[in-house]
């Protein structure tokens, strides 16, 4: 979830010095960014707001998956994709379809399993593909066979 630029923030020190005040402010605002000098920022929100966000994601994910099962719905999603992700114009038709399916599956995983990183990974992976496709030199290099170095079997870590 990306926070808008207007999201207010407090420092982690503020939170540790005045937890009740910061919690009240977060509840009043809906969410509050907690900045930390030596660690990633956090977001403080109410459980109800977090539950509503999860419910919204689940609903949207299920709706998009249902649309993909209908010809007109799939067509509409494919037509809308360039408005949401302008870089898809550098993908061929099959790549756009693959991206759409992968994105919707990742949204489903995020909604149903809490695996939110899958959405981010799908977007950045396909954007990288589009970036390579957009640059003729990069595309040419990426399509060349490797120089013959066999680096052995790749281990998949999960």
N, C-alpha and C. Protein backbone atom coordinates (compact mmCIF):
# COMPACT_ATOMS: atom_id res chain seq x y z
N UNK A 1 0.85 -1.17 0.00
CA UNK A 1 0.00 0.00 0.00
C UNK A 1 0.90 1.23 0.00
N UNK A 2 0.73 2.05 -0.96
CA UNK A 2 1.53 3.27 -1.05
C UNK A 2 0.77 4.41 -0.37
N UNK A 3 1.46 5.14 0.47
CA UNK A 3 0.83 6.25 1.18
C UNK A 3 0.93 7.52 0.37
N UNK A 4 -0.13 8.29 0.37
CA UNK A 4 -0.11 9.56 -0.35
C UNK A 4 0.90 10.50 0.29
N UNK A 5 1.32 11.48 -0.50
CA UNK A 5 2.30 12.45 -0.02
C UNK A 5 1.79 13.23 1.19
N UNK A 6 0.45 13.37 1.30
CA UNK A 6 -0.13 14.16 2.39
C UNK A 6 -0.15 13.41 3.72
N UNK A 7 0.17 12.13 3.74
CA UNK A 7 0.13 11.38 4.98
C UNK A 7 1.05 12.03 6.01
N UNK A 8 0.48 12.28 7.16
CA UNK A 8 1.28 12.89 8.23
C UNK A 8 2.23 11.86 8.82
N UNK A 9 3.28 12.36 9.44
CA UNK A 9 4.25 11.44 10.04
C UNK A 9 4.74 11.96 11.37
N UNK A 10 5.21 11.03 12.16
CA UNK A 10 5.88 11.33 13.42
C UNK A 10 7.14 10.49 13.46
N UNK A 11 8.05 10.86 14.30
CA UNK A 11 9.27 10.07 14.42
C UNK A 11 9.04 8.93 15.41
N UNK A 12 9.88 7.93 15.32
CA UNK A 12 9.80 6.81 16.25
C UNK A 12 10.03 7.32 17.68
N UNK A 13 10.87 8.34 17.80
CA UNK A 13 11.11 8.95 19.12
C UNK A 13 9.83 9.55 19.67
N UNK A 14 9.06 10.24 18.82
CA UNK A 14 7.77 10.78 19.25
C UNK A 14 6.86 9.68 19.76
N UNK A 15 6.84 8.56 19.03
CA UNK A 15 6.01 7.43 19.43
C UNK A 15 6.44 6.89 20.78
N UNK A 16 7.74 6.76 21.01
CA UNK A 16 8.22 6.21 22.27
C UNK A 16 8.01 7.17 23.43
N UNK A 17 8.06 8.46 23.17
CA UNK A 17 7.86 9.46 24.23
C UNK A 17 6.39 9.68 24.58
N UNK A 18 5.53 9.58 23.59
CA UNK A 18 4.11 9.89 23.79
C UNK A 18 3.23 8.88 23.05
N UNK A 19 3.26 7.61 23.47
CA UNK A 19 2.51 6.59 22.72
C UNK A 19 1.00 6.84 22.68
N UNK A 20 0.43 7.30 23.78
CA UNK A 20 -1.02 7.54 23.79
C UNK A 20 -1.39 8.67 22.84
N UNK A 21 -0.63 9.74 22.85
CA UNK A 21 -0.90 10.87 21.97
C UNK A 21 -0.75 10.50 20.50
N UNK A 22 0.29 9.74 20.19
CA UNK A 22 0.53 9.33 18.81
C UNK A 22 -0.56 8.35 18.37
N UNK A 23 -0.95 7.44 19.25
CA UNK A 23 -2.02 6.49 18.91
C UNK A 23 -3.33 7.22 18.67
N UNK A 24 -3.62 8.21 19.48
CA UNK A 24 -4.86 8.99 19.30
C UNK A 24 -4.82 9.74 17.98
N UNK A 25 -3.66 10.29 17.65
CA UNK A 25 -3.52 11.01 16.37
C UNK A 25 -3.70 10.07 15.19
N UNK A 26 -3.12 8.86 15.29
CA UNK A 26 -3.26 7.87 14.22
C UNK A 26 -4.72 7.46 14.06
N UNK A 27 -5.40 7.27 15.17
CA UNK A 27 -6.82 6.89 15.11
C UNK A 27 -7.64 8.01 14.49
N UNK A 28 -7.34 9.25 14.83
CA UNK A 28 -8.09 10.39 14.29
C UNK A 28 -7.83 10.57 12.79
N UNK A 29 -6.58 10.36 12.36
CA UNK A 29 -6.21 10.54 10.96
C UNK A 29 -6.53 9.30 10.10
N UNK A 30 -6.62 8.17 10.73
CA UNK A 30 -6.82 6.92 9.99
C UNK A 30 -5.54 6.14 9.83
N UNK A 31 -4.45 6.85 9.64
CA UNK A 31 -3.12 6.23 9.57
C UNK A 31 -2.08 7.31 9.77
N UNK A 32 -0.95 6.88 10.24
CA UNK A 32 0.13 7.80 10.55
C UNK A 32 1.45 7.10 10.26
N UNK A 33 2.29 7.74 9.49
CA UNK A 33 3.62 7.18 9.19
C UNK A 33 4.53 7.44 10.38
N UNK A 34 5.24 6.39 10.78
CA UNK A 34 6.21 6.51 11.85
C UNK A 34 7.59 6.34 11.21
N UNK A 35 8.34 7.42 11.20
CA UNK A 35 9.66 7.39 10.57
C UNK A 35 10.69 6.91 11.59
N UNK A 36 11.67 6.22 11.10
CA UNK A 36 12.72 5.68 11.97
C UNK A 36 14.04 5.87 11.25
N UNK A 37 14.97 6.47 11.93
CA UNK A 37 16.25 6.78 11.31
C UNK A 37 17.02 5.54 10.88
N UNK A 38 16.95 4.47 11.67
CA UNK A 38 17.76 3.29 11.42
C UNK A 38 16.97 2.08 10.93
N UNK A 39 15.73 2.29 10.54
CA UNK A 39 14.90 1.18 10.09
C UNK A 39 13.85 1.72 9.11
N UNK A 40 13.20 0.82 8.39
CA UNK A 40 12.14 1.27 7.47
C UNK A 40 11.00 1.96 8.24
N UNK A 41 10.34 2.89 7.56
CA UNK A 41 9.18 3.54 8.16
C UNK A 41 8.09 2.51 8.40
N UNK A 42 7.23 2.82 9.36
CA UNK A 42 6.08 1.97 9.66
C UNK A 42 4.83 2.81 9.52
N UNK A 43 3.69 2.15 9.47
CA UNK A 43 2.41 2.85 9.42
C UNK A 43 1.60 2.39 10.61
N UNK A 44 1.11 3.34 11.35
CA UNK A 44 0.26 3.06 12.50
C UNK A 44 -1.17 3.37 12.10
N UNK A 45 -2.04 2.38 12.26
CA UNK A 45 -3.44 2.55 11.88
C UNK A 45 -4.30 1.75 12.84
N UNK A 46 -5.60 1.87 12.70
CA UNK A 46 -6.50 1.09 13.53
C UNK A 46 -6.72 -0.27 12.88
N UNK A 47 -7.06 -1.25 13.69
CA UNK A 47 -7.32 -2.59 13.18
C UNK A 47 -8.51 -2.56 12.23
N UNK A 48 -9.52 -1.77 12.55
CA UNK A 48 -10.70 -1.69 11.69
C UNK A 48 -10.32 -1.17 10.31
N UNK A 49 -9.50 -0.14 10.27
CA UNK A 49 -9.08 0.40 8.97
C UNK A 49 -8.27 -0.62 8.18
N UNK A 50 -7.39 -1.35 8.85
CA UNK A 50 -6.60 -2.38 8.18
C UNK A 50 -7.50 -3.50 7.67
N UNK A 51 -8.50 -3.89 8.45
CA UNK A 51 -9.43 -4.92 8.02
C UNK A 51 -10.24 -4.46 6.81
N UNK A 52 -10.65 -3.20 6.80
CA UNK A 52 -11.38 -2.67 5.65
C UNK A 52 -10.50 -2.66 4.40
N UNK A 53 -9.23 -2.32 4.55
CA UNK A 53 -8.31 -2.33 3.41
C UNK A 53 -8.16 -3.74 2.86
N UNK A 54 -8.05 -4.73 3.74
CA UNK A 54 -7.96 -6.12 3.30
C UNK A 54 -9.24 -6.56 2.60
N UNK A 55 -10.38 -6.17 3.14
CA UNK A 55 -11.66 -6.51 2.53
C UNK A 55 -11.79 -5.87 1.15
N UNK A 56 -11.34 -4.62 1.02
CA UNK A 56 -11.38 -3.94 -0.28
C UNK A 56 -10.51 -4.66 -1.30
N UNK A 57 -9.32 -5.06 -0.90
CA UNK A 57 -8.42 -5.77 -1.80
C UNK A 57 -9.02 -7.10 -2.22
N UNK A 58 -9.60 -7.82 -1.29
CA UNK A 58 -10.22 -9.11 -1.60
C UNK A 58 -11.37 -8.93 -2.58
N UNK A 59 -12.20 -7.93 -2.34
CA UNK A 59 -13.34 -7.67 -3.23
C UNK A 59 -12.87 -7.31 -4.63
N UNK A 60 -11.92 -6.40 -4.74
CA UNK A 60 -11.40 -5.99 -6.05
C UNK A 60 -10.75 -7.18 -6.77
N UNK A 61 -9.99 -7.95 -6.04
CA UNK A 61 -9.32 -9.10 -6.64
C UNK A 61 -10.34 -10.09 -7.19
N UNK A 62 -11.34 -10.41 -6.42
CA UNK A 62 -12.37 -11.36 -6.87
C UNK A 62 -13.16 -10.81 -8.05
N UNK A 63 -13.42 -9.51 -8.03
CA UNK A 63 -14.14 -8.89 -9.14
C UNK A 63 -13.33 -8.98 -10.44
N UNK A 64 -12.04 -8.64 -10.36
CA UNK A 64 -11.20 -8.70 -11.55
C UNK A 64 -11.06 -10.14 -12.07
N UNK A 65 -10.92 -11.10 -11.16
CA UNK A 65 -10.82 -12.50 -11.59
C UNK A 65 -12.11 -12.95 -12.27
N UNK A 66 -13.25 -12.51 -11.73
CA UNK A 66 -14.54 -12.86 -12.36
C UNK A 66 -14.65 -12.22 -13.74
N UNK A 67 -14.20 -10.98 -13.86
CA UNK A 67 -14.24 -10.31 -15.17
C UNK A 67 -13.38 -11.04 -16.20
N UNK A 68 -12.23 -11.54 -15.78
CA UNK A 68 -11.33 -12.23 -16.70
C UNK A 68 -11.95 -13.50 -17.26
N UNK A 69 -12.95 -14.06 -16.58
CA UNK A 69 -13.59 -15.28 -17.04
C UNK A 69 -14.65 -15.02 -18.11
N UNK A 70 -14.95 -13.74 -18.35
CA UNK A 70 -15.92 -13.37 -19.37
C UNK A 70 -15.19 -12.66 -20.51
N UNK A 71 -15.56 -12.97 -21.72
CA UNK A 71 -14.87 -12.38 -22.87
C UNK A 71 -14.88 -10.86 -22.83
N UNK A 72 -16.06 -10.26 -22.61
CA UNK A 72 -16.14 -8.80 -22.56
C UNK A 72 -15.35 -8.22 -21.40
N UNK A 73 -15.38 -8.90 -20.26
CA UNK A 73 -14.64 -8.43 -19.09
C UNK A 73 -13.14 -8.48 -19.32
N UNK A 74 -12.67 -9.58 -19.90
CA UNK A 74 -11.24 -9.73 -20.20
C UNK A 74 -10.81 -8.66 -21.19
N UNK A 75 -11.64 -8.44 -22.19
CA UNK A 75 -11.34 -7.43 -23.21
C UNK A 75 -11.24 -6.04 -22.56
N UNK A 76 -12.18 -5.73 -21.67
CA UNK A 76 -12.17 -4.43 -20.99
C UNK A 76 -10.93 -4.25 -20.13
N UNK A 77 -10.55 -5.32 -19.40
CA UNK A 77 -9.34 -5.23 -18.58
C UNK A 77 -8.11 -5.01 -19.44
N UNK A 78 -8.02 -5.73 -20.55
CA UNK A 78 -6.86 -5.57 -21.44
C UNK A 78 -6.81 -4.18 -22.05
N UNK A 79 -7.98 -3.61 -22.34
CA UNK A 79 -8.03 -2.25 -22.89
C UNK A 79 -7.69 -1.20 -21.84
N UNK A 80 -8.01 -1.46 -20.59
CA UNK A 80 -7.75 -0.51 -19.51
C UNK A 80 -6.30 -0.54 -19.04
N UNK A 81 -5.63 -1.65 -19.26
CA UNK A 81 -4.26 -1.82 -18.74
C UNK A 81 -3.30 -0.70 -19.15
N UNK A 82 -3.29 -0.25 -20.40
CA UNK A 82 -2.35 0.82 -20.77
C UNK A 82 -2.60 2.15 -20.03
N UNK A 83 -3.81 2.36 -19.56
CA UNK A 83 -4.09 3.57 -18.81
C UNK A 83 -3.49 3.49 -17.41
N UNK A 84 -3.50 2.29 -16.85
CA UNK A 84 -2.94 2.08 -15.52
C UNK A 84 -1.43 1.92 -15.58
N UNK A 85 -0.96 1.20 -16.58
CA UNK A 85 0.47 0.92 -16.76
C UNK A 85 0.86 1.34 -18.18
N UNK A 86 1.18 2.61 -18.42
CA UNK A 86 1.47 3.08 -19.79
C UNK A 86 2.59 2.31 -20.48
N UNK A 87 3.50 1.74 -19.73
CA UNK A 87 4.63 1.03 -20.31
C UNK A 87 4.24 -0.28 -20.99
N UNK A 88 3.01 -0.78 -20.81
CA UNK A 88 2.63 -2.03 -21.48
C UNK A 88 2.63 -1.90 -23.00
N UNK A 89 2.69 -0.67 -23.51
CA UNK A 89 2.74 -0.51 -24.97
C UNK A 89 4.01 -1.12 -25.55
N UNK A 90 5.00 -1.40 -24.70
CA UNK A 90 6.25 -2.02 -25.14
C UNK A 90 6.21 -3.54 -25.02
N UNK A 91 5.07 -4.08 -24.62
CA UNK A 91 4.90 -5.53 -24.55
C UNK A 91 4.08 -5.98 -25.75
N UNK A 92 4.35 -7.19 -26.25
CA UNK A 92 3.52 -7.69 -27.34
C UNK A 92 2.20 -8.21 -26.75
N UNK A 93 1.29 -8.59 -27.61
CA UNK A 93 -0.06 -8.98 -27.18
C UNK A 93 -0.01 -10.13 -26.18
N UNK A 94 0.80 -11.14 -26.45
CA UNK A 94 0.89 -12.29 -25.55
C UNK A 94 1.50 -11.88 -24.20
N UNK A 95 2.49 -11.00 -24.23
CA UNK A 95 3.09 -10.53 -22.98
C UNK A 95 2.07 -9.74 -22.15
N UNK A 96 1.24 -8.93 -22.79
CA UNK A 96 0.21 -8.17 -22.06
C UNK A 96 -0.77 -9.14 -21.41
N UNK A 97 -1.17 -10.16 -22.14
CA UNK A 97 -2.07 -11.17 -21.56
C UNK A 97 -1.41 -11.86 -20.37
N UNK A 98 -0.16 -12.25 -20.55
CA UNK A 98 0.56 -12.93 -19.46
C UNK A 98 0.70 -12.02 -18.24
N UNK A 99 1.02 -10.75 -18.47
CA UNK A 99 1.12 -9.80 -17.38
C UNK A 99 -0.22 -9.66 -16.65
N UNK A 100 -1.29 -9.57 -17.42
CA UNK A 100 -2.62 -9.41 -16.83
C UNK A 100 -2.96 -10.60 -15.94
N UNK A 101 -2.75 -11.80 -16.44
CA UNK A 101 -3.04 -13.01 -15.67
C UNK A 101 -2.17 -13.05 -14.42
N UNK A 102 -0.87 -12.79 -14.58
CA UNK A 102 0.04 -12.82 -13.44
C UNK A 102 -0.33 -11.77 -12.40
N UNK A 103 -0.70 -10.59 -12.86
CA UNK A 103 -1.09 -9.51 -11.94
C UNK A 103 -2.35 -9.89 -11.17
N UNK A 104 -3.34 -10.43 -11.86
CA UNK A 104 -4.58 -10.81 -11.18
C UNK A 104 -4.36 -11.96 -10.22
N UNK A 105 -3.52 -12.90 -10.59
CA UNK A 105 -3.20 -14.00 -9.67
C UNK A 105 -2.45 -13.47 -8.44
N UNK A 106 -1.56 -12.51 -8.66
CA UNK A 106 -0.82 -11.92 -7.55
C UNK A 106 -1.75 -11.12 -6.64
N UNK A 107 -2.70 -10.40 -7.23
CA UNK A 107 -3.69 -9.68 -6.42
C UNK A 107 -4.51 -10.66 -5.59
N UNK A 108 -4.87 -11.78 -6.18
CA UNK A 108 -5.60 -12.80 -5.45
C UNK A 108 -4.76 -13.35 -4.30
N UNK A 109 -3.49 -13.63 -4.56
CA UNK A 109 -2.60 -14.11 -3.50
C UNK A 109 -2.46 -13.08 -2.39
N UNK A 110 -2.38 -11.81 -2.77
CA UNK A 110 -2.27 -10.75 -1.77
C UNK A 110 -3.53 -10.70 -0.91
N UNK A 111 -4.68 -10.81 -1.57
CA UNK A 111 -5.95 -10.72 -0.85
C UNK A 111 -6.22 -11.96 -0.01
N UNK A 112 -6.00 -13.12 -0.58
CA UNK A 112 -6.39 -14.36 0.09
C UNK A 112 -5.31 -14.92 1.02
N UNK A 113 -4.04 -14.63 0.71
CA UNK A 113 -2.94 -15.22 1.48
C UNK A 113 -2.08 -14.20 2.21
N UNK A 114 -2.35 -12.92 1.97
CA UNK A 114 -1.52 -11.89 2.58
C UNK A 114 -0.16 -11.76 1.93
N UNK A 115 -0.02 -12.26 0.72
CA UNK A 115 1.26 -12.25 0.01
C UNK A 115 1.35 -11.02 -0.89
N UNK A 116 1.41 -9.84 -0.27
CA UNK A 116 1.40 -8.58 -1.00
C UNK A 116 2.61 -8.34 -1.87
N UNK A 117 3.73 -8.96 -1.55
CA UNK A 117 4.93 -8.76 -2.36
C UNK A 117 4.77 -9.31 -3.77
N UNK A 118 3.87 -10.27 -3.94
CA UNK A 118 3.67 -10.86 -5.26
C UNK A 118 3.20 -9.82 -6.27
N UNK A 119 2.36 -8.89 -5.84
CA UNK A 119 1.86 -7.84 -6.74
C UNK A 119 3.02 -6.95 -7.16
N UNK A 120 3.80 -6.51 -6.20
CA UNK A 120 4.95 -5.65 -6.48
C UNK A 120 5.92 -6.36 -7.43
N UNK A 121 6.19 -7.62 -7.15
CA UNK A 121 7.13 -8.40 -7.97
C UNK A 121 6.62 -8.53 -9.40
N UNK A 122 5.33 -8.80 -9.59
CA UNK A 122 4.77 -8.92 -10.94
C UNK A 122 4.91 -7.61 -11.70
N UNK A 123 4.60 -6.51 -11.05
CA UNK A 123 4.67 -5.21 -11.72
C UNK A 123 6.10 -4.85 -12.09
N UNK A 124 7.03 -4.98 -11.15
CA UNK A 124 8.41 -4.57 -11.47
C UNK A 124 9.05 -5.51 -12.49
N UNK A 125 8.69 -6.79 -12.46
CA UNK A 125 9.25 -7.74 -13.43
C UNK A 125 8.78 -7.41 -14.85
N UNK A 126 7.48 -7.18 -14.99
CA UNK A 126 6.96 -6.87 -16.33
C UNK A 126 7.38 -5.49 -16.80
N UNK A 127 7.53 -4.54 -15.86
CA UNK A 127 8.02 -3.21 -16.24
C UNK A 127 9.46 -3.32 -16.74
N UNK A 128 10.25 -4.18 -16.11
CA UNK A 128 11.64 -4.39 -16.57
C UNK A 128 11.65 -5.00 -17.97
N UNK A 129 10.73 -5.93 -18.23
CA UNK A 129 10.61 -6.51 -19.57
C UNK A 129 10.26 -5.43 -20.59
N UNK A 130 9.30 -4.58 -20.23
CA UNK A 130 8.91 -3.48 -21.13
C UNK A 130 10.09 -2.54 -21.37
N UNK A 131 10.87 -2.27 -20.33
CA UNK A 131 12.02 -1.37 -20.47
C UNK A 131 13.03 -1.95 -21.45
N UNK A 132 13.28 -3.25 -21.36
CA UNK A 132 14.21 -3.90 -22.29
C UNK A 132 13.63 -3.87 -23.70
N UNK A 133 12.35 -4.17 -23.83
CA UNK A 133 11.71 -4.14 -25.16
C UNK A 133 11.74 -2.74 -25.78
N UNK A 134 11.69 -1.72 -24.95
CA UNK A 134 11.66 -0.34 -25.45
C UNK A 134 13.02 0.12 -25.97
N UNK A 135 14.08 -0.55 -25.58
CA UNK A 135 15.43 -0.17 -25.99
C UNK A 135 15.96 -1.23 -26.96
N UNK A 136 16.02 -0.91 -28.26
CA UNK A 136 16.43 -1.92 -29.25
C UNK A 136 17.78 -2.57 -28.94
N UNK A 137 18.70 -1.80 -28.41
CA UNK A 137 20.02 -2.37 -28.11
C UNK A 137 19.93 -3.37 -26.95
N UNK A 138 19.21 -2.99 -25.89
CA UNK A 138 19.05 -3.92 -24.77
C UNK A 138 18.31 -5.18 -25.21
N UNK A 139 17.30 -5.00 -26.04
CA UNK A 139 16.54 -6.16 -26.52
C UNK A 139 17.44 -7.08 -27.34
N UNK A 140 18.24 -6.51 -28.21
CA UNK A 140 19.14 -7.31 -29.04
C UNK A 140 20.12 -8.10 -28.15
N UNK A 141 20.68 -7.45 -27.16
CA UNK A 141 21.62 -8.12 -26.26
C UNK A 141 20.93 -9.21 -25.46
N UNK A 142 19.71 -8.94 -25.00
CA UNK A 142 19.00 -9.92 -24.17
C UNK A 142 18.60 -11.16 -24.96
N UNK A 143 18.49 -11.04 -26.28
CA UNK A 143 18.09 -12.17 -27.10
C UNK A 143 19.27 -13.01 -27.60
N UNK A 144 20.49 -12.53 -27.38
CA UNK A 144 21.67 -13.27 -27.81
C UNK A 144 21.90 -14.46 -26.88
N UNK A 145 22.37 -15.57 -27.46
CA UNK A 145 22.67 -16.72 -26.61
C UNK A 145 23.83 -16.40 -25.66
N UNK A 146 23.84 -17.06 -24.54
CA UNK A 146 24.93 -16.87 -23.58
C UNK A 146 26.21 -17.40 -24.18
N UNK A 147 27.33 -16.99 -23.63
CA UNK A 147 28.63 -17.33 -24.22
C UNK A 147 29.05 -18.77 -23.98
N UNK A 148 28.19 -19.59 -23.44
CA UNK A 148 28.53 -20.99 -23.28
C UNK A 148 28.94 -21.36 -21.87
N UNK A 149 29.11 -20.38 -21.01
CA UNK A 149 29.46 -20.68 -19.63
C UNK A 149 28.28 -21.36 -18.95
N UNK A 150 28.52 -22.57 -18.47
CA UNK A 150 27.48 -23.27 -17.72
C UNK A 150 27.77 -23.05 -16.25
N UNK A 151 26.92 -22.33 -15.61
CA UNK A 151 27.12 -22.01 -14.20
C UNK A 151 26.46 -23.04 -13.28
N UNK A 152 25.94 -24.11 -13.86
CA UNK A 152 25.36 -25.18 -13.06
C UNK A 152 23.90 -24.96 -12.78
N UNK A 153 23.38 -25.86 -11.99
CA UNK A 153 21.96 -25.83 -11.66
C UNK A 153 21.67 -24.66 -10.72
N UNK A 154 20.52 -24.05 -10.91
CA UNK A 154 20.10 -22.92 -10.08
C UNK A 154 19.25 -23.46 -8.94
N UNK A 155 19.58 -23.05 -7.73
CA UNK A 155 18.82 -23.46 -6.56
C UNK A 155 17.74 -22.42 -6.30
N UNK A 156 16.52 -22.89 -6.14
CA UNK A 156 15.39 -22.00 -5.84
C UNK A 156 15.19 -21.98 -4.35
N UNK A 157 15.25 -20.78 -3.79
CA UNK A 157 15.07 -20.61 -2.35
C UNK A 157 13.68 -20.02 -2.09
N UNK A 158 12.97 -20.58 -1.20
CA UNK A 158 11.64 -20.06 -0.86
C UNK A 158 11.54 -19.87 0.61
